[in-house]
Every structure is written in structure tokens, then in C-alpha cells.
Amino acid sequence: MKRMITMGLVVALLGLPIAVWGDDGKEVAQNAGSLFGTLVYAPLKASFCILGAIGSGFTYIADSKTAGKVARASCGGTWVITPNAVAGKESVHFVGNTEPSGEDRTHAAGATRARK
């Protein structure tokens, strides 16, 4: 077990200079924030997705449409923190879109208001 952890840390540290390469300090900081943010965020998101999939399985017994919404909400959304997200140019969505078509709810609401 210790050997696997040590090998993982060595690979991460050797890959770090390549992953955070940039032209200026700001870009390097955003890339480093992206890398470390994803290292923390991805396991939390995976745990949320697994728990949502279990909940979706139980919900399927009562209603399959609702089960699909639970699965899309828990496993959808952002999985990787990008440098643009660190810079504030892009948003991170922990919970995914529950619409079956995958279209964004804000665009759908705007289209509904425009028709009225």
C-alpha cells in the first residue's frame, strides 16, 4: 500500500511541472489551481455520483422519470476544474441538468418567456 502511494506521488510530482507550464505567473497559477482543484473535486463528485446512482436505483421502483432526473442531477455537471473556471470565466456546476434533452434550463426559460 505504501509503495502504491509513493509511486502515485512521484508520478504526480514529475508530471506537475509539465501540467502547470505557462507564459506568465497568472497562467501558471490558474493551471496549478486547476490541477489541484480537480484532484480534490473529482473524488467528491464521484462519491456524489455513486450515491446518486444508488438513490436513483431505489427511486426507479416508484417512478422511472424521477429516477432519470436523480441520475442526471447527481452524475451530470462539471467533472474537471479547468483553468477558465479558476479564472472565473466559466462556472462549475456540481449538480447536473435534470432536463432529459440536456438543454440548459436558463435557455429554455428564456425561450418560454419570449413566446409569451
C-alpha atoms as a PDB file:
ATOM      1  CA  MET A   1       0.000   0.000   0.000  1.00  0.00           C
ATOM      2  CA  LYS A   2       2.791   2.423   0.900  1.00  0.00           C
ATOM      3  CA  ARG A   3       4.533   1.578  -2.356  1.00  0.00           C
ATOM      4  CA  MET A   4       1.437   2.462  -4.413  1.00  0.00           C
ATOM      5  CA  ILE A   5       1.004   5.795  -2.617  1.00  0.00           C
ATOM      6  CA  THR A   6       4.684   6.621  -3.065  1.00  0.00           C
ATOM      7  CA  MET A   7       4.547   5.775  -6.780  1.00  0.00           C
ATOM      8  CA  GLY A   8       1.429   7.909  -7.205  1.00  0.00           C
ATOM      9  CA  LEU A   9       3.061  10.895  -5.508  1.00  0.00           C
ATOM     10  CA  VAL A  10       6.215  10.535  -7.611  1.00  0.00           C
ATOM     11  CA  VAL A  11       4.189  10.429 -10.836  1.00  0.00           C
ATOM     12  CA  ALA A  12       2.135  13.442  -9.731  1.00  0.00           C
ATOM     13  CA  LEU A  13       5.206  15.454  -8.797  1.00  0.00           C
ATOM     14  CA  LEU A  14       7.050  14.581 -12.002  1.00  0.00           C
ATOM     15  CA  GLY A  15       4.018  15.489 -14.098  1.00  0.00           C
ATOM     16  CA  LEU A  16       3.369  18.724 -12.193  1.00  0.00           C
ATOM     17  CA  PRO A  17       5.899  20.956 -13.994  1.00  0.00           C
ATOM     18  CA  ILE A  18       4.508  19.895 -17.367  1.00  0.00           C
ATOM     19  CA  ALA A  19       0.894  20.348 -16.260  1.00  0.00           C
ATOM     20  CA  VAL A  20       1.400  23.895 -14.946  1.00  0.00           C
ATOM     21  CA  TRP A  21       3.530  25.214 -17.798  1.00  0.00           C
ATOM     22  CA  GLY A  22       2.549  28.709 -18.835  1.00  0.00           C
ATOM     23  CA  ASP A  23       3.794  32.009 -20.225  1.00  0.00           C
ATOM     24  CA  ASP A  24       3.227  34.111 -17.144  1.00  0.00           C
ATOM     25  CA  GLY A  25       2.688  33.663 -13.424  1.00  0.00           C
ATOM     26  CA  LYS A  26      -1.067  34.138 -13.655  1.00  0.00           C
ATOM     27  CA  GLU A  27      -1.461  31.357 -16.211  1.00  0.00           C
ATOM     28  CA  VAL A  28       0.772  29.058 -14.175  1.00  0.00           C
ATOM     29  CA  ALA A  29      -1.279  29.763 -11.050  1.00  0.00           C
ATOM     30  CA  GLN A  30      -4.546  29.068 -12.888  1.00  0.00           C
ATOM     31  CA  ASN A  31      -3.179  25.789 -14.268  1.00  0.00           C
ATOM     32  CA  ALA A  32      -1.913  24.762 -10.823  1.00  0.00           C
ATOM     33  CA  GLY A  33      -5.278  25.692  -9.286  1.00  0.00           C
ATOM     34  CA  SER A  34      -6.994  23.657 -11.972  1.00  0.00           C
ATOM     35  CA  LEU A  35      -4.813  20.633 -11.292  1.00  0.00           C
ATOM     36  CA  PHE A  36      -5.129  20.695  -7.510  1.00  0.00           C
ATOM     37  CA  GLY A  37      -8.779  21.729  -7.635  1.00  0.00           C
ATOM     38  CA  THR A  38      -9.576  18.727  -9.817  1.00  0.00           C
ATOM     39  CA  LEU A  39      -7.613  16.427  -7.501  1.00  0.00           C
ATOM     40  CA  VAL A  40      -9.874  17.476  -4.622  1.00  0.00           C
ATOM     41  CA  TYR A  41     -13.119  17.996  -6.561  1.00  0.00           C
ATOM     42  CA  ALA A  42     -13.191  14.822  -8.705  1.00  0.00           C
ATOM     43  CA  PRO A  43     -13.324  12.309  -5.801  1.00  0.00           C
ATOM     44  CA  LEU A  44     -16.101  14.329  -4.143  1.00  0.00           C
ATOM     45  CA  LYS A  45     -18.030  14.473  -7.413  1.00  0.00           C
ATOM     46  CA  ALA A  46     -17.513  10.726  -7.958  1.00  0.00           C
ATOM     47  CA  SER A  47     -18.843   9.993  -4.457  1.00  0.00           C
ATOM     48  CA  PHE A  48     -21.878  12.200  -5.122  1.00  0.00           C
ATOM     49  CA  CYS A  49     -22.480  10.416  -8.419  1.00  0.00           C
ATOM     50  CA  ILE A  50     -22.242   6.965  -6.826  1.00  0.00           C
ATOM     51  CA  LEU A  51     -24.657   7.917  -4.042  1.00  0.00           C
ATOM     52  CA  GLY A  52     -26.991   9.478  -6.616  1.00  0.00           C
ATOM     53  CA  ALA A  53     -26.879   6.315  -8.718  1.00  0.00           C
ATOM     54  CA  ILE A  54     -27.827   4.251  -5.667  1.00  0.00           C
ATOM     55  CA  GLY A  55     -30.649   6.683  -4.872  1.00  0.00           C
ATOM     56  CA  SER A  56     -31.741   6.601  -8.494  1.00  0.00           C
ATOM     57  CA  GLY A  57     -31.953   2.823  -8.330  1.00  0.00           C
ATOM     58  CA  PHE A  58     -34.294   2.993  -5.351  1.00  0.00           C
ATOM     59  CA  THR A  59     -36.303   5.797  -6.967  1.00  0.00           C
ATOM     60  CA  TYR A  60     -36.735   3.727 -10.136  1.00  0.00           C
ATOM     61  CA  ILE A  61     -39.002   1.373  -8.167  1.00  0.00           C
ATOM     62  CA  ALA A  62     -41.511   4.214  -7.721  1.00  0.00           C
ATOM     63  CA  ASP A  63     -41.030   6.327 -10.861  1.00  0.00           C
ATOM     64  CA  SER A  64     -38.613   5.872 -13.743  1.00  0.00           C
ATOM     65  CA  LYS A  65     -38.768   9.517 -14.909  1.00  0.00           C
ATOM     66  CA  THR A  66     -37.820  10.790 -11.478  1.00  0.00           C
ATOM     67  CA  ALA A  67     -35.047   8.208 -11.287  1.00  0.00           C
ATOM     68  CA  GLY A  68     -33.622   9.596 -14.526  1.00  0.00           C
ATOM     69  CA  LYS A  69     -33.682  13.121 -13.093  1.00  0.00           C
ATOM     70  CA  VAL A  70     -31.882  11.954  -9.960  1.00  0.00           C
ATOM     71  CA  ALA A  71     -29.209  10.224 -12.035  1.00  0.00           C
ATOM     72  CA  ARG A  72     -28.739  13.243 -14.351  1.00  0.00           C
ATOM     73  CA  ALA A  73     -28.552  15.625 -11.402  1.00  0.00           C
ATOM     74  CA  SER A  74     -26.019  13.606  -9.450  1.00  0.00           C
ATOM     75  CA  CYS A  75     -23.765  12.437 -12.292  1.00  0.00           C
ATOM     76  CA  GLY A  76     -24.145  15.402 -14.618  1.00  0.00           C
ATOM     77  CA  GLY A  77     -22.457  18.733 -14.284  1.00  0.00           C
ATOM     78  CA  THR A  78     -18.784  19.621 -14.186  1.00  0.00           C
ATOM     79  CA  TRP A  79     -16.249  16.880 -13.539  1.00  0.00           C
ATOM     80  CA  VAL A  80     -12.994  18.760 -14.137  1.00  0.00           C
ATOM     81  CA  ILE A  81     -11.934  22.149 -12.800  1.00  0.00           C
ATOM     82  CA  THR A  82     -10.486  23.998 -15.794  1.00  0.00           C
ATOM     83  CA  PRO A  83      -8.119  26.979 -15.734  1.00  0.00           C
ATOM     84  CA  ASN A  84     -11.013  29.098 -17.046  1.00  0.00           C
ATOM     85  CA  ALA A  85     -13.086  28.058 -14.020  1.00  0.00           C
ATOM     86  CA  VAL A  86     -10.236  29.083 -11.716  1.00  0.00           C
ATOM     87  CA  ALA A  87     -10.035  32.441 -13.544  1.00  0.00           C
ATOM     88  CA  GLY A  88     -13.794  32.947 -13.125  1.00  0.00           C
ATOM     89  CA  LYS A  89     -14.523  32.859 -16.855  1.00  0.00           C
ATOM     90  CA  GLU A  90     -16.503  29.620 -16.623  1.00  0.00           C
ATOM     91  CA  SER A  91     -18.853  28.297 -13.950  1.00  0.00           C
ATOM     92  CA  VAL A  92     -18.643  24.977 -12.145  1.00  0.00           C
ATOM     93  CA  HIS A  93     -21.889  23.029 -11.781  1.00  0.00           C
ATOM     94  CA  PHE A  94     -21.713  20.385  -9.054  1.00  0.00           C
ATOM     95  CA  VAL A  95     -25.294  19.291  -9.741  1.00  0.00           C
ATOM     96  CA  GLY A  96     -26.165  18.476 -13.333  1.00  0.00           C
ATOM     97  CA  ASN A  97     -29.082  19.489 -15.505  1.00  0.00           C
ATOM     98  CA  THR A  98     -32.199  17.388 -14.930  1.00  0.00           C
ATOM     99  CA  GLU A  99     -33.775  18.056 -18.324  1.00  0.00           C
ATOM    100  CA  PRO A 100     -33.939  14.848 -20.409  1.00  0.00           C
ATOM    101  CA  SER A 101     -32.938  16.628 -23.616  1.00  0.00           C
ATOM    102  CA  GLY A 102     -29.829  18.034 -21.964  1.00  0.00           C
ATOM    103  CA  GLU A 103     -30.734  21.607 -22.890  1.00  0.00           C
ATOM    104  CA  ASP A 104     -29.872  24.301 -20.405  1.00  0.00           C
ATOM    105  CA  ARG A 105     -32.733  25.340 -18.123  1.00  0.00           C
ATOM    106  CA  THR A 106     -31.903  29.044 -18.389  1.00  0.00           C
ATOM    107  CA  HIS A 107     -32.143  28.978 -22.183  1.00  0.00           C
ATOM    108  CA  ALA A 108     -35.395  27.030 -22.031  1.00  0.00           C
ATOM    109  CA  ALA A 109     -36.884  29.523 -19.562  1.00  0.00           C
ATOM    110  CA  GLY A 110     -35.815  32.441 -21.771  1.00  0.00           C
ATOM    111  CA  ALA A 111     -37.442  30.814 -24.801  1.00  0.00           C
ATOM    112  CA  THR A 112     -40.667  30.329 -22.843  1.00  0.00           C
ATOM    113  CA  ARG A 113     -40.738  33.978 -21.768  1.00  0.00           C
ATOM    114  CA  ALA A 114     -40.020  35.157 -25.311  1.00  0.00           C
ATOM    115  CA  ARG A 115     -43.066  33.282 -26.642  1.00  0.00           C
ATOM    116  CA  LYS A 116     -45.472  34.938 -24.178  1.00  0.00           C
END
